[in-house]
């Protein structure tokens, strides 16, 4: 199997470059190998939206297979919770600032 390598140019802060070079030298590896490993680790730990969506849908199918299909009320509550979590003005993880009374389903975020 042949692995094709491509060239990529990055602009990094001088301090970060110095730390990267020091790390690579101490680890006795080329800088590009350290960067490649770091990118692989980052991408593995931070799935993209589509990967999270697929995992969520798979979890829903597993749940429904074991406990039966979701009721209309459960789906409406889930939609309300998602709307609350995804409202504008917040961080990526929890949505906007907490509303009085918390999320619509009464659970803590």
PDB file of N, CA and C in Angstrom:
ATOM      1  N   UNK A   1       0.844  -1.178   0.000  1.00  0.00           N
ATOM      2  CA  UNK A   1       0.000   0.000   0.000  1.00  0.00           C
ATOM      3  C   UNK A   1       0.888   1.239   0.000  1.00  0.00           C
ATOM      4  N   UNK A   2       0.619   2.159  -0.876  1.00  0.00           N
ATOM      5  CA  UNK A   2       1.382   3.391  -0.970  1.00  0.00           C
ATOM      6  C   UNK A   2       0.599   4.521  -0.320  1.00  0.00           C
ATOM      7  N   UNK A   3       1.260   5.252   0.553  1.00  0.00           N
ATOM      8  CA  UNK A   3       0.633   6.405   1.189  1.00  0.00           C
ATOM      9  C   UNK A   3       1.122   7.655   0.485  1.00  0.00           C
ATOM     10  N   UNK A   4       0.181   8.442  -0.002  1.00  0.00           N
ATOM     11  CA  UNK A   4       0.536   9.682  -0.692  1.00  0.00           C
ATOM     12  C   UNK A   4       0.584  10.815   0.322  1.00  0.00           C
ATOM     13  N   UNK A   5       1.697  11.496   0.395  1.00  0.00           N
ATOM     14  CA  UNK A   5       1.839  12.644   1.278  1.00  0.00           C
ATOM     15  C   UNK A   5       1.664  13.919   0.479  1.00  0.00           C
ATOM     16  N   UNK A   6       1.050  14.887   1.097  1.00  0.00           N
ATOM     17  CA  UNK A   6       0.859  16.199   0.487  1.00  0.00           C
ATOM     18  C   UNK A   6       1.551  17.245   1.347  1.00  0.00           C
ATOM     19  N   UNK A   7       1.836  18.368   0.746  1.00  0.00           N
ATOM     20  CA  UNK A   7       2.490  19.471   1.437  1.00  0.00           C
ATOM     21  C   UNK A   7       1.423  20.452   1.914  1.00  0.00           C
ATOM     22  N   UNK A   8       1.570  20.951   3.142  1.00  0.00           N
ATOM     23  CA  UNK A   8       0.640  21.919   3.709  1.00  0.00           C
ATOM     24  C   UNK A   8       1.454  23.006   4.405  1.00  0.00           C
ATOM     25  N   UNK A   9       1.136  24.246   4.127  1.00  0.00           N
ATOM     26  CA  UNK A   9       1.821  25.362   4.772  1.00  0.00           C
ATOM     27  C   UNK A   9       0.900  25.953   5.832  1.00  0.00           C
ATOM     28  N   UNK A  10       1.426  26.122   7.045  1.00  0.00           N
ATOM     29  CA  UNK A  10       0.658  26.693   8.149  1.00  0.00           C
ATOM     30  C   UNK A  10       1.366  27.923   8.689  1.00  0.00           C
ATOM     31  N   UNK A  11       0.592  28.860   9.182  1.00  0.00           N
ATOM     32  CA  UNK A  11       1.152  30.016   9.878  1.00  0.00           C
ATOM     33  C   UNK A  11       0.852  29.818  11.359  1.00  0.00           C
ATOM     34  N   UNK A  12       1.909  29.713  12.158  1.00  0.00           N
ATOM     35  CA  UNK A  12       1.768  29.509  13.594  1.00  0.00           C
ATOM     36  C   UNK A  12       2.552  30.575  14.338  1.00  0.00           C
ATOM     37  N   UNK A  13       2.123  30.859  15.545  1.00  0.00           N
ATOM     38  CA  UNK A  13       2.822  31.791  16.415  1.00  0.00           C
ATOM     39  C   UNK A  13       4.256  31.304  16.644  1.00  0.00           C
ATOM     40  N   UNK A  14       5.201  32.227  16.679  1.00  0.00           N
ATOM     41  CA  UNK A  14       6.616  31.867  16.838  1.00  0.00           C
ATOM     42  C   UNK A  14       6.858  31.054  18.108  1.00  0.00           C
ATOM     43  N   UNK A  15       6.160  31.399  19.174  1.00  0.00           N
ATOM     44  CA  UNK A  15       6.319  30.650  20.423  1.00  0.00           C
ATOM     45  C   UNK A  15       5.840  29.216  20.295  1.00  0.00           C
ATOM     46  N   UNK A  16       4.738  29.023  19.578  1.00  0.00           N
ATOM     47  CA  UNK A  16       4.221  27.674  19.365  1.00  0.00           C
ATOM     48  C   UNK A  16       5.174  26.862  18.498  1.00  0.00           C
ATOM     49  N   UNK A  17       5.745  27.504  17.498  1.00  0.00           N
ATOM     50  CA  UNK A  17       6.716  26.813  16.636  1.00  0.00           C
ATOM     51  C   UNK A  17       7.923  26.373  17.456  1.00  0.00           C
ATOM     52  N   UNK A  18       8.404  27.241  18.334  1.00  0.00           N
ATOM     53  CA  UNK A  18       9.555  26.888  19.176  1.00  0.00           C
ATOM     54  C   UNK A  18       9.220  25.705  20.079  1.00  0.00           C
ATOM     55  N   UNK A  19       8.035  25.732  20.682  1.00  0.00           N
ATOM     56  CA  UNK A  19       7.617  24.611  21.541  1.00  0.00           C
ATOM     57  C   UNK A  19       7.498  23.322  20.740  1.00  0.00           C
ATOM     58  N   UNK A  20       6.945  23.428  19.537  1.00  0.00           N
ATOM     59  CA  UNK A  20       6.786  22.264  18.673  1.00  0.00           C
ATOM     60  C   UNK A  20       8.142  21.669  18.317  1.00  0.00           C
ATOM     61  N   UNK A  21       9.073  22.513  17.931  1.00  0.00           N
ATOM     62  CA  UNK A  21      10.412  22.025  17.574  1.00  0.00           C
ATOM     63  C   UNK A  21      11.112  21.402  18.781  1.00  0.00           C
ATOM     64  N   UNK A  22      10.993  22.042  19.937  1.00  0.00           N
ATOM     65  CA  UNK A  22      11.602  21.489  21.153  1.00  0.00           C
ATOM     66  C   UNK A  22      11.001  20.127  21.486  1.00  0.00           C
ATOM     67  N   UNK A  23       9.680  20.023  21.369  1.00  0.00           N
ATOM     68  CA  UNK A  23       9.000  18.757  21.657  1.00  0.00           C
ATOM     69  C   UNK A  23       9.463  17.670  20.695  1.00  0.00           C
ATOM     70  N   UNK A  24       9.481  17.992  19.415  1.00  0.00           N
ATOM     71  CA  UNK A  24       9.887  17.010  18.399  1.00  0.00           C
ATOM     72  C   UNK A  24      11.324  16.560  18.632  1.00  0.00           C
ATOM     73  N   UNK A  25      12.194  17.501  18.951  1.00  0.00           N
ATOM     74  CA  UNK A  25      13.595  17.154  19.191  1.00  0.00           C
ATOM     75  C   UNK A  25      13.719  16.254  20.423  1.00  0.00           C
ATOM     76  N   UNK A  26      13.021  16.588  21.495  1.00  0.00           N
ATOM     77  CA  UNK A  26      13.079  15.774  22.711  1.00  0.00           C
ATOM     78  C   UNK A  26      12.507  14.382  22.475  1.00  0.00           C
ATOM     79  N   UNK A  27      11.526  14.285  21.588  1.00  0.00           N
ATOM     80  CA  UNK A  27      10.884  13.003  21.275  1.00  0.00           C
ATOM     81  C   UNK A  27      11.610  12.262  20.156  1.00  0.00           C
ATOM     82  N   UNK A  28      12.655  12.910  19.607  1.00  0.00           N
ATOM     83  CA  UNK A  28      13.465  12.343  18.516  1.00  0.00           C
ATOM     84  C   UNK A  28      12.608  11.948  17.309  1.00  0.00           C
ATOM     85  N   UNK A  29      11.731  12.870  16.933  1.00  0.00           N
ATOM     86  CA  UNK A  29      10.866  12.651  15.776  1.00  0.00           C
ATOM     87  C   UNK A  29      10.838  13.906  14.934  1.00  0.00           C
ATOM     88  N   UNK A  30      10.545  13.774  13.653  1.00  0.00           N
ATOM     89  CA  UNK A  30      10.410  14.963  12.811  1.00  0.00           C
ATOM     90  C   UNK A  30       9.183  15.780  13.227  1.00  0.00           C
ATOM     91  N   UNK A  31       9.263  17.075  13.024  1.00  0.00           N
ATOM     92  CA  UNK A  31       8.153  17.967  13.366  1.00  0.00           C
ATOM     93  C   UNK A  31       6.881  17.534  12.652  1.00  0.00           C
ATOM     94  N   UNK A  32       6.973  17.167  11.374  1.00  0.00           N
ATOM     95  CA  UNK A  32       5.760  16.789  10.640  1.00  0.00           C
ATOM     96  C   UNK A  32       5.097  15.552  11.235  1.00  0.00           C
ATOM     97  N   UNK A  33       5.874  14.631  11.804  1.00  0.00           N
ATOM     98  CA  UNK A  33       5.293  13.446  12.441  1.00  0.00           C
ATOM     99  C   UNK A  33       4.554  13.833  13.719  1.00  0.00           C
ATOM    100  N   UNK A  34       5.125  14.758  14.488  1.00  0.00           N
ATOM    101  CA  UNK A  34       4.468  15.234  15.710  1.00  0.00           C
ATOM    102  C   UNK A  34       3.162  15.938  15.358  1.00  0.00           C
ATOM    103  N   UNK A  35       3.198  16.791  14.339  1.00  0.00           N
ATOM    104  CA  UNK A  35       1.994  17.507  13.914  1.00  0.00           C
ATOM    105  C   UNK A  35       0.943  16.525  13.404  1.00  0.00           C
ATOM    106  N   UNK A  36       1.346  15.552  12.594  1.00  0.00           N
ATOM    107  CA  UNK A  36       0.396  14.562  12.064  1.00  0.00           C
ATOM    108  C   UNK A  36      -0.270  13.796  13.201  1.00  0.00           C
ATOM    109  N   UNK A  37       0.512  13.376  14.199  1.00  0.00           N
ATOM    110  CA  UNK A  37      -0.065  12.663  15.343  1.00  0.00           C
ATOM    111  C   UNK A  37      -1.032  13.552  16.122  1.00  0.00           C
ATOM    112  N   UNK A  38      -0.658  14.821  16.304  1.00  0.00           N
ATOM    113  CA  UNK A  38      -1.521  15.748  17.037  1.00  0.00           C
ATOM    114  C   UNK A  38      -2.841  15.974  16.302  1.00  0.00           C
ATOM    115  N   UNK A  39      -2.778  16.113  14.988  1.00  0.00           N
ATOM    116  CA  UNK A  39      -3.997  16.314  14.200  1.00  0.00           C
ATOM    117  C   UNK A  39      -4.874  15.062  14.253  1.00  0.00           C
ATOM    118  N   UNK A  40      -4.268  13.884  14.110  1.00  0.00           N
ATOM    119  CA  UNK A  40      -5.030  12.625  14.208  1.00  0.00           C
ATOM    120  C   UNK A  40      -5.729  12.521  15.560  1.00  0.00           C
ATOM    121  N   UNK A  41      -4.991  12.828  16.631  1.00  0.00           N
ATOM    122  CA  UNK A  41      -5.570  12.754  17.976  1.00  0.00           C
ATOM    123  C   UNK A  41      -6.711  13.750  18.133  1.00  0.00           C
ATOM    124  N   UNK A  42      -6.519  14.973  17.656  1.00  0.00           N
ATOM    125  CA  UNK A  42      -7.548  16.001  17.752  1.00  0.00           C
ATOM    126  C   UNK A  42      -8.809  15.586  16.998  1.00  0.00           C
ATOM    127  N   UNK A  43      -8.643  15.133  15.770  1.00  0.00           N
ATOM    128  CA  UNK A  43      -9.807  14.746  14.967  1.00  0.00           C
ATOM    129  C   UNK A  43     -10.527  13.548  15.565  1.00  0.00           C
ATOM    130  N   UNK A  44      -9.782  12.637  16.182  1.00  0.00           N
ATOM    131  CA  UNK A  44     -10.407  11.499  16.841  1.00  0.00           C
ATOM    132  C   UNK A  44     -11.199  11.904  18.072  1.00  0.00           C
ATOM    133  N   UNK A  45     -10.732  12.941  18.764  1.00  0.00           N
ATOM    134  CA  UNK A  45     -11.388  13.393  19.989  1.00  0.00           C
ATOM    135  C   UNK A  45     -12.494  14.412  19.732  1.00  0.00           C
ATOM    136  N   UNK A  46     -12.551  14.978  18.541  1.00  0.00           N
ATOM    137  CA  UNK A  46     -13.531  16.009  18.215  1.00  0.00           C
ATOM    138  C   UNK A  46     -14.273  15.638  16.934  1.00  0.00           C
ATOM    139  N   UNK A  47     -15.245  14.733  17.046  1.00  0.00           N
ATOM    140  CA  UNK A  47     -15.970  14.326  15.840  1.00  0.00           C
ATOM    141  C   UNK A  47     -16.730  15.507  15.240  1.00  0.00           C
ATOM    142  N   UNK A  48     -16.901  15.463  13.934  1.00  0.00           N
ATOM    143  CA  UNK A  48     -17.632  16.546  13.278  1.00  0.00           C
ATOM    144  C   UNK A  48     -19.135  16.379  13.500  1.00  0.00           C
ATOM    145  N   UNK A  49     -19.885  17.364  13.082  1.00  0.00           N
ATOM    146  CA  UNK A  49     -21.334  17.370  13.300  1.00  0.00           C
ATOM    147  C   UNK A  49     -22.003  16.111  12.751  1.00  0.00           C
ATOM    148  N   UNK A  50     -21.629  15.702  11.565  1.00  0.00           N
ATOM    149  CA  UNK A  50     -22.276  14.545  10.935  1.00  0.00           C
ATOM    150  C   UNK A  50     -21.975  13.260  11.707  1.00  0.00           C
ATOM    151  N   UNK A  51     -20.758  13.122  12.228  1.00  0.00           N
ATOM    152  CA  UNK A  51     -20.418  11.941  13.023  1.00  0.00           C
ATOM    153  C   UNK A  51     -21.230  11.914  14.319  1.00  0.00           C
ATOM    154  N   UNK A  52     -21.374  13.072  14.984  1.00  0.00           N
ATOM    155  CA  UNK A  52     -22.179  13.133  16.213  1.00  0.00           C
ATOM    156  C   UNK A  52     -23.641  12.839  15.917  1.00  0.00           C
ATOM    157  N   UNK A  53     -24.136  13.380  14.813  1.00  0.00           N
ATOM    158  CA  UNK A  53     -25.532  13.152  14.428  1.00  0.00           C
ATOM    159  C   UNK A  53     -25.775  11.668  14.174  1.00  0.00           C
ATOM    160  N   UNK A  54     -24.865  11.029  13.430  1.00  0.00           N
ATOM    161  CA  UNK A  54     -25.005   9.604  13.132  1.00  0.00           C
ATOM    162  C   UNK A  54     -24.957   8.775  14.412  1.00  0.00           C
ATOM    163  N   UNK A  55     -24.072   9.135  15.332  1.00  0.00           N
ATOM    164  CA  UNK A  55     -23.981   8.405  16.601  1.00  0.00           C
ATOM    165  C   UNK A  55     -25.260   8.583  17.417  1.00  0.00           C
ATOM    166  N   UNK A  56     -25.812   9.789  17.409  1.00  0.00           N
ATOM    167  CA  UNK A  56     -27.058  10.040  18.126  1.00  0.00           C
ATOM    168  C   UNK A  56     -28.222   9.262  17.540  1.00  0.00           C
ATOM    169  N   UNK A  57     -28.317   9.231  16.222  1.00  0.00           N
ATOM    170  CA  UNK A  57     -29.392   8.465  15.575  1.00  0.00           C
ATOM    171  C   UNK A  57     -29.244   6.972  15.846  1.00  0.00           C
ATOM    172  N   UNK A  58     -28.019   6.476  15.846  1.00  0.00           N
ATOM    173  CA  UNK A  58     -27.786   5.057  16.152  1.00  0.00           C
ATOM    174  C   UNK A  58     -28.207   4.751  17.585  1.00  0.00           C
ATOM    175  N   UNK A  59     -27.895   5.654  18.511  1.00  0.00           N
ATOM    176  CA  UNK A  59     -28.288   5.453  19.909  1.00  0.00           C
ATOM    177  C   UNK A  59     -29.807   5.452  20.046  1.00  0.00           C
ATOM    178  N   UNK A  60     -30.481   6.322  19.293  1.00  0.00           N
ATOM    179  CA  UNK A  60     -31.946   6.340  19.327  1.00  0.00           C
ATOM    180  C   UNK A  60     -32.524   5.027  18.807  1.00  0.00           C
ATOM    181  N   UNK A  61     -31.952   4.508  17.719  1.00  0.00           N
ATOM    182  CA  UNK A  61     -32.441   3.236  17.168  1.00  0.00           C
ATOM    183  C   UNK A  61     -32.243   2.099  18.172  1.00  0.00           C
ATOM    184  N   UNK A  62     -31.096   2.082  18.844  1.00  0.00           N
ATOM    185  CA  UNK A  62     -30.839   1.047  19.855  1.00  0.00           C
ATOM    186  C   UNK A  62     -31.844   1.154  20.997  1.00  0.00           C
ATOM    187  N   UNK A  63     -32.095   2.379  21.457  1.00  0.00           N
ATOM    188  CA  UNK A  63     -33.042   2.595  22.547  1.00  0.00           C
ATOM    189  C   UNK A  63     -34.435   2.117  22.144  1.00  0.00           C
ATOM    190  N   UNK A  64     -34.859   2.523  20.941  1.00  0.00           N
ATOM    191  CA  UNK A  64     -36.190   2.127  20.478  1.00  0.00           C
ATOM    192  C   UNK A  64     -36.290   0.620  20.282  1.00  0.00           C
ATOM    193  N   UNK A  65     -35.220  -0.017  19.854  1.00  0.00           N
ATOM    194  CA  UNK A  65     -35.239  -1.472  19.684  1.00  0.00           C
ATOM    195  C   UNK A  65     -35.442  -2.172  21.026  1.00  0.00           C
ATOM    196  N   UNK A  66     -34.898  -1.588  22.085  1.00  0.00           N
ATOM    197  CA  UNK A  66     -35.009  -2.216  23.402  1.00  0.00           C
ATOM    198  C   UNK A  66     -36.284  -1.826  24.146  1.00  0.00           C
ATOM    199  N   UNK A  67     -36.716  -0.556  24.021  1.00  0.00           N
ATOM    200  CA  UNK A  67     -37.817  -0.054  24.847  1.00  0.00           C
ATOM    201  C   UNK A  67     -39.062   0.342  24.065  1.00  0.00           C
ATOM    202  N   UNK A  68     -39.026   0.259  22.754  1.00  0.00           N
ATOM    203  CA  UNK A  68     -40.166   0.666  21.944  1.00  0.00           C
ATOM    204  C   UNK A  68     -39.979   2.067  21.394  1.00  0.00           C
ATOM    205  N   UNK A  69     -40.827   2.422  20.432  1.00  0.00           N
ATOM    206  CA  UNK A  69     -40.671   3.716  19.767  1.00  0.00           C
ATOM    207  C   UNK A  69     -41.005   4.865  20.710  1.00  0.00           C
ATOM    208  N   UNK A  70     -40.428   6.022  20.414  1.00  0.00           N
ATOM    209  CA  UNK A  70     -40.688   7.218  21.207  1.00  0.00           C
ATOM    210  C   UNK A  70     -42.115   7.688  20.971  1.00  0.00           C
ATOM    211  N   UNK A  71     -42.735   8.205  22.026  1.00  0.00           N
ATOM    212  CA  UNK A  71     -44.080   8.771  21.891  1.00  0.00           C
ATOM    213  C   UNK A  71     -43.970  10.177  21.306  1.00  0.00           C
ATOM    214  N   UNK A  72     -45.097  10.703  20.840  1.00  0.00           N
ATOM    215  CA  UNK A  72     -45.125  12.077  20.328  1.00  0.00           C
ATOM    216  C   UNK A  72     -44.708  13.063  21.421  1.00  0.00           C
ATOM    217  N   UNK A  73     -45.113  12.802  22.659  1.00  0.00           N
ATOM    218  CA  UNK A  73     -44.755  13.684  23.769  1.00  0.00           C
ATOM    219  C   UNK A  73     -43.246  13.660  24.016  1.00  0.00           C
ATOM    220  N   UNK A  74     -42.642  12.480  23.955  1.00  0.00           N
ATOM    221  CA  UNK A  74     -41.191  12.371  24.148  1.00  0.00           C
ATOM    222  C   UNK A  74     -40.433  13.092  23.034  1.00  0.00           C
ATOM    223  N   UNK A  75     -40.907  12.942  21.804  1.00  0.00           N
ATOM    224  CA  UNK A  75     -40.261  13.625  20.680  1.00  0.00           C
ATOM    225  C   UNK A  75     -40.399  15.143  20.805  1.00  0.00           C
ATOM    226  N   UNK A  76     -41.575  15.615  21.236  1.00  0.00           N
ATOM    227  CA  UNK A  76     -41.783  17.055  21.417  1.00  0.00           C
ATOM    228  C   UNK A  76     -40.876  17.590  22.526  1.00  0.00           C
ATOM    229  N   UNK A  77     -40.741  16.838  23.623  1.00  0.00           N
ATOM    230  CA  UNK A  77     -39.857  17.260  24.717  1.00  0.00           C
ATOM    231  C   UNK A  77     -38.406  17.301  24.251  1.00  0.00           C
ATOM    232  N   UNK A  78     -38.008  16.322  23.446  1.00  0.00           N
ATOM    233  CA  UNK A  78     -36.638  16.300  22.921  1.00  0.00           C
ATOM    234  C   UNK A  78     -36.403  17.490  21.997  1.00  0.00           C
ATOM    235  N   UNK A  79     -37.375  17.796  21.140  1.00  0.00           N
ATOM    236  CA  UNK A  79     -37.250  18.956  20.249  1.00  0.00           C
ATOM    237  C   UNK A  79     -37.117  20.250  21.050  1.00  0.00           C
ATOM    238  N   UNK A  80     -37.921  20.383  22.109  1.00  0.00           N
ATOM    239  CA  UNK A  80     -37.860  21.591  22.938  1.00  0.00           C
ATOM    240  C   UNK A  80     -36.506  21.707  23.626  1.00  0.00           C
ATOM    241  N   UNK A  81     -35.988  20.594  24.099  1.00  0.00           N
ATOM    242  CA  UNK A  81     -34.674  20.613  24.761  1.00  0.00           C
ATOM    243  C   UNK A  81     -33.577  20.992  23.768  1.00  0.00           C
ATOM    244  N   UNK A  82     -33.620  20.426  22.579  1.00  0.00           N
ATOM    245  CA  UNK A  82     -32.620  20.759  21.560  1.00  0.00           C
ATOM    246  C   UNK A  82     -32.713  22.241  21.198  1.00  0.00           C
ATOM    247  N   UNK A  83     -33.931  22.746  21.022  1.00  0.00           N
ATOM    248  CA  UNK A  83     -34.104  24.176  20.732  1.00  0.00           C
ATOM    249  C   UNK A  83     -33.503  25.024  21.847  1.00  0.00           C
ATOM    250  N   UNK A  84     -33.718  24.618  23.103  1.00  0.00           N
ATOM    251  CA  UNK A  84     -33.189  25.360  24.245  1.00  0.00           C
ATOM    252  C   UNK A  84     -31.663  25.318  24.255  1.00  0.00           C
ATOM    253  N   UNK A  85     -31.093  24.150  24.017  1.00  0.00           N
ATOM    254  CA  UNK A  85     -29.636  24.011  24.027  1.00  0.00           C
ATOM    255  C   UNK A  85     -28.975  24.745  22.868  1.00  0.00           C
ATOM    256  N   UNK A  86     -29.644  24.820  21.734  1.00  0.00           N
ATOM    257  CA  UNK A  86     -29.051  25.398  20.525  1.00  0.00           C
ATOM    258  C   UNK A  86     -29.429  26.860  20.309  1.00  0.00           C
ATOM    259  N   UNK A  87     -30.097  27.477  21.266  1.00  0.00           N
ATOM    260  CA  UNK A  87     -30.521  28.867  21.071  1.00  0.00           C
ATOM    261  C   UNK A  87     -29.304  29.772  20.891  1.00  0.00           C
ATOM    262  N   UNK A  88     -29.468  30.885  20.182  1.00  0.00           N
ATOM    263  CA  UNK A  88     -28.336  31.780  19.898  1.00  0.00           C
ATOM    264  C   UNK A  88     -27.782  32.430  21.164  1.00  0.00           C
ATOM    265  N   UNK A  89     -26.531  32.830  21.049  1.00  0.00           N
ATOM    266  CA  UNK A  89     -25.927  33.619  22.110  1.00  0.00           C
ATOM    267  C   UNK A  89     -25.146  32.838  23.135  1.00  0.00           C
ATOM    268  N   UNK A  90     -24.997  31.543  22.937  1.00  0.00           N
ATOM    269  CA  UNK A  90     -24.283  30.757  23.926  1.00  0.00           C
ATOM    270  C   UNK A  90     -23.038  30.128  23.367  1.00  0.00           C
ATOM    271  N   UNK A  91     -22.402  29.308  24.203  1.00  0.00           N
ATOM    272  CA  UNK A  91     -21.201  28.622  23.739  1.00  0.00           C
ATOM    273  C   UNK A  91     -21.588  27.384  22.946  1.00  0.00           C
ATOM    274  N   UNK A  92     -20.606  26.731  22.359  1.00  0.00           N
ATOM    275  CA  UNK A  92     -20.862  25.575  21.502  1.00  0.00           C
ATOM    276  C   UNK A  92     -21.457  24.402  22.260  1.00  0.00           C
ATOM    277  N   UNK A  93     -21.151  24.300  23.542  1.00  0.00           N
ATOM    278  CA  UNK A  93     -21.556  23.102  24.270  1.00  0.00           C
ATOM    279  C   UNK A  93     -22.938  23.217  24.881  1.00  0.00           C
ATOM    280  N   UNK A  94     -23.300  24.399  25.396  1.00  0.00           N
ATOM    281  CA  UNK A  94     -24.528  24.504  26.168  1.00  0.00           C
ATOM    282  C   UNK A  94     -25.520  25.532  25.657  1.00  0.00           C
ATOM    283  N   UNK A  95     -25.311  26.104  24.504  1.00  0.00           N
ATOM    284  CA  UNK A  95     -26.247  27.098  24.007  1.00  0.00           C
ATOM    285  C   UNK A  95     -26.074  28.417  24.732  1.00  0.00           C
ATOM    286  N   UNK A  96     -27.155  29.178  24.828  1.00  0.00           N
ATOM    287  CA  UNK A  96     -27.097  30.512  25.405  1.00  0.00           C
ATOM    288  C   UNK A  96     -27.061  30.515  26.920  1.00  0.00           C
ATOM    289  N   UNK A  97     -27.211  31.705  27.471  1.00  0.00           N
ATOM    290  CA  UNK A  97     -27.220  31.860  28.918  1.00  0.00           C
ATOM    291  C   UNK A  97     -28.419  31.108  29.492  1.00  0.00           C
ATOM    292  N   UNK A  98     -28.284  30.585  30.723  1.00  0.00           N
ATOM    293  CA  UNK A  98     -29.399  29.846  31.315  1.00  0.00           C
ATOM    294  C   UNK A  98     -30.650  30.715  31.412  1.00  0.00           C
ATOM    295  N   UNK A  99     -31.761  30.140  31.049  1.00  0.00           N
ATOM    296  CA  UNK A  99     -33.036  30.823  31.185  1.00  0.00           C
ATOM    297  C   UNK A  99     -33.578  30.534  32.569  1.00  0.00           C
ATOM    298  N   UNK A 100     -34.394  31.458  33.072  1.00  0.00           N
ATOM    299  CA  UNK A 100     -34.996  31.218  34.366  1.00  0.00           C
ATOM    300  C   UNK A 100     -35.797  29.927  34.304  1.00  0.00           C
ATOM    301  N   UNK A 101     -35.597  29.061  35.262  1.00  0.00           N
ATOM    302  CA  UNK A 101     -36.303  27.789  35.276  1.00  0.00           C
ATOM    303  C   UNK A 101     -35.579  26.681  34.542  1.00  0.00           C
ATOM    304  N   UNK A 102     -34.501  26.983  33.849  1.00  0.00           N
ATOM    305  CA  UNK A 102     -33.725  25.940  33.184  1.00  0.00           C
ATOM    306  C   UNK A 102     -34.372  25.447  31.912  1.00  0.00           C
ATOM    307  N   UNK A 103     -33.863  24.326  31.403  1.00  0.00           N
ATOM    308  CA  UNK A 103     -34.371  23.793  30.141  1.00  0.00           C
ATOM    309  C   UNK A 103     -35.809  23.322  30.279  1.00  0.00           C
ATOM    310  N   UNK A 104     -36.523  23.212  29.161  1.00  0.00           N
ATOM    311  CA  UNK A 104     -37.944  22.881  29.199  1.00  0.00           C
ATOM    312  C   UNK A 104     -38.265  21.531  29.817  1.00  0.00           C
ATOM    313  N   UNK A 105     -37.320  20.609  29.860  1.00  0.00           N
ATOM    314  CA  UNK A 105     -37.624  19.302  30.439  1.00  0.00           C
ATOM    315  C   UNK A 105     -37.305  19.247  31.928  1.00  0.00           C
ATOM    316  N   UNK A 106     -36.820  20.359  32.486  1.00  0.00           N
ATOM    317  CA  UNK A 106     -36.571  20.423  33.914  1.00  0.00           C
ATOM    318  C   UNK A 106     -35.244  19.850  34.367  1.00  0.00           C
ATOM    319  N   UNK A 107     -34.466  19.273  33.447  1.00  0.00           N
ATOM    320  CA  UNK A 107     -33.168  18.712  33.827  1.00  0.00           C
ATOM    321  C   UNK A 107     -32.118  19.797  33.836  1.00  0.00           C
ATOM    322  N   UNK A 108     -31.084  19.564  34.632  1.00  0.00           N
ATOM    323  CA  UNK A 108     -29.932  20.457  34.607  1.00  0.00           C
ATOM    324  C   UNK A 108     -29.161  20.205  33.333  1.00  0.00           C
ATOM    325  N   UNK A 109     -28.571  21.244  32.769  1.00  0.00           N
ATOM    326  CA  UNK A 109     -27.792  21.081  31.539  1.00  0.00           C
ATOM    327  C   UNK A 109     -26.477  20.447  31.854  1.00  0.00           C
TER     328      UNK A 109
END
